[in-house]
Amino acid sequence: VVAAFASSLVGGQINRAFGRRTSALFAATVFTLGSVILASAWSYATLVAGRVVIGIGIGVASLTTPVYIAEIAPQEKRGQLVTVNALLVCTGQFGAGMVDGIFSEVLPESGWRFMLGF
């Protein structure tokens, strides 16, 4: 959470300096890197490092995506598309929480590994 907060503070400058599209691609790359770190983590320190990397991606993406959608969308669809983006993000978070709850019930010893990438 701290990494997401910190990167959201500089996300505007990243957007301004490199553009929305490049910033979105950067956030996607950071998400991928963080996922690989989490999937291959065998220690607590590696798990924390993966979560920090994912947090950086979240901070940049949370600022970049709505602005980029608003910029490329037709004027009459702008609000609708940005709202749908926010709705889908919330739906994804809810769904992930439900799946995590199932993993913790079905696999109490190893379910946490699947919650973090494998």
Protein backbone atom coordinates (compact mmCIF):
# COMPACT_ATOMS: atom_id res chain seq x y z
CA VAL A 1 0.00 0.00 0.00
CA VAL A 2 2.84 2.37 0.83
CA ALA A 3 4.51 1.70 -2.54
CA ALA A 4 1.22 2.37 -4.36
CA PHE A 5 0.77 5.61 -2.45
CA ALA A 6 4.32 6.77 -3.11
CA SER A 7 4.21 5.93 -6.81
CA SER A 8 0.84 7.63 -7.18
CA LEU A 9 2.46 10.83 -5.93
CA VAL A 10 4.96 10.77 -8.81
CA GLY A 11 2.59 9.17 -11.33
CA GLY A 12 1.51 12.56 -12.63
CA GLN A 13 5.07 13.57 -13.36
CA ILE A 14 5.68 10.22 -15.09
CA ASN A 15 2.58 10.80 -17.23
CA ARG A 16 3.66 14.31 -18.11
CA ALA A 17 7.24 13.35 -18.92
CA PHE A 18 6.65 10.18 -20.92
CA GLY A 19 3.01 10.36 -22.03
CA ARG A 20 -0.01 8.31 -21.03
CA ARG A 21 0.56 5.39 -23.39
CA THR A 22 4.18 4.89 -22.36
CA SER A 23 3.22 5.23 -18.69
CA ALA A 24 0.50 2.58 -19.09
CA LEU A 25 2.98 0.24 -20.75
CA PHE A 26 5.45 0.92 -17.94
CA ALA A 27 2.79 0.06 -15.35
CA ALA A 28 1.97 -3.18 -17.21
CA THR A 29 5.66 -4.10 -17.28
CA VAL A 30 5.99 -3.41 -13.56
CA PHE A 31 2.89 -5.55 -12.87
CA THR A 32 4.42 -8.40 -14.87
CA LEU A 33 7.75 -8.12 -13.06
CA GLY A 34 6.00 -8.07 -9.69
CA SER A 35 3.93 -11.12 -10.62
CA VAL A 36 7.06 -13.04 -11.60
CA ILE A 37 8.72 -12.09 -8.31
CA LEU A 38 5.66 -13.21 -6.33
CA ALA A 39 5.31 -16.45 -8.27
CA SER A 40 8.94 -17.37 -7.65
CA ALA A 41 9.13 -16.17 -4.04
CA TRP A 42 10.44 -18.65 -1.48
CA SER A 43 11.03 -16.27 1.41
CA TYR A 44 9.20 -13.55 3.26
CA ALA A 45 11.60 -10.88 1.98
CA THR A 46 10.94 -11.88 -1.63
CA LEU A 47 7.18 -11.75 -1.03
CA VAL A 48 7.51 -8.23 0.37
CA ALA A 49 9.69 -7.18 -2.56
CA GLY A 50 7.11 -8.53 -5.01
CA ARG A 51 4.31 -6.69 -3.24
CA VAL A 52 6.31 -3.45 -3.35
CA VAL A 53 6.88 -3.85 -7.09
CA ILE A 54 3.17 -4.57 -7.64
CA GLY A 55 2.34 -1.50 -5.53
CA ILE A 56 4.46 0.70 -7.79
CA GLY A 57 2.53 -0.59 -10.80
CA ILE A 58 -0.79 0.05 -9.07
CA GLY A 59 0.15 3.62 -8.20
CA VAL A 60 1.14 4.50 -11.76
CA ALA A 61 -1.75 2.63 -13.38
CA SER A 62 -4.38 4.12 -11.09
CA LEU A 63 -3.46 7.60 -12.34
CA THR A 64 -2.63 6.77 -15.94
CA THR A 65 -5.48 4.52 -17.04
CA PRO A 66 -8.49 6.81 -16.44
CA VAL A 67 -6.72 9.77 -18.04
CA TYR A 68 -5.63 7.72 -21.05
CA ILE A 69 -9.14 6.32 -21.52
CA ALA A 70 -10.59 9.82 -21.33
CA GLU A 71 -8.08 11.12 -23.87
CA ILE A 72 -8.65 8.45 -26.52
CA ALA A 73 -12.43 7.99 -26.06
CA PRO A 74 -14.96 9.87 -28.16
CA GLN A 75 -16.36 12.82 -26.24
CA GLU A 76 -19.85 11.35 -25.92
CA LYS A 77 -18.48 8.07 -24.42
CA ARG A 78 -15.76 9.49 -22.13
CA GLY A 79 -17.58 9.43 -18.81
CA GLN A 80 -19.13 6.06 -19.49
CA LEU A 81 -15.81 4.41 -20.35
CA VAL A 82 -13.97 5.85 -17.34
CA THR A 83 -16.83 4.71 -15.09
CA VAL A 84 -16.80 1.21 -16.59
CA ASN A 85 -13.03 1.06 -15.97
CA ALA A 86 -13.53 1.92 -12.28
CA LEU A 87 -16.38 -0.60 -11.99
CA LEU A 88 -14.29 -3.38 -13.54
CA VAL A 89 -11.35 -2.63 -11.24
CA CYS A 90 -13.65 -2.93 -8.20
CA THR A 91 -15.25 -6.09 -9.59
CA GLY A 92 -11.82 -7.61 -10.12
CA GLN A 93 -10.76 -6.79 -6.58
CA PHE A 94 -13.95 -8.33 -5.20
CA GLY A 95 -13.53 -11.45 -7.33
CA ALA A 96 -9.90 -11.83 -6.28
CA GLY A 97 -10.92 -11.57 -2.63
CA MET A 98 -13.54 -14.27 -3.09
CA VAL A 99 -11.07 -16.60 -4.81
CA ASP A 100 -8.50 -15.91 -2.08
CA GLY A 101 -11.10 -16.84 0.54
CA ILE A 102 -11.82 -20.11 -1.27
CA PHE A 103 -8.10 -20.92 -1.44
CA SER A 104 -7.66 -20.24 2.28
CA GLU A 105 -10.56 -22.59 3.11
CA VAL A 106 -9.78 -25.39 0.65
CA LEU A 107 -5.98 -25.32 1.00
CA PRO A 108 -5.24 -23.90 4.48
CA GLU A 109 -1.53 -24.82 4.38
CA SER A 110 -0.60 -23.80 0.82
CA GLY A 111 -3.48 -21.65 -0.40
CA TRP A 112 -1.55 -18.45 0.24
CA ARG A 113 0.91 -19.41 -2.53
CA PHE A 114 -1.90 -19.46 -5.11
CA MET A 115 -3.16 -16.09 -3.86
CA LEU A 116 0.21 -14.56 -4.66
CA GLY A 117 0.89 -16.12 -8.03
CA PHE A 118 1.55 -19.83 -7.47
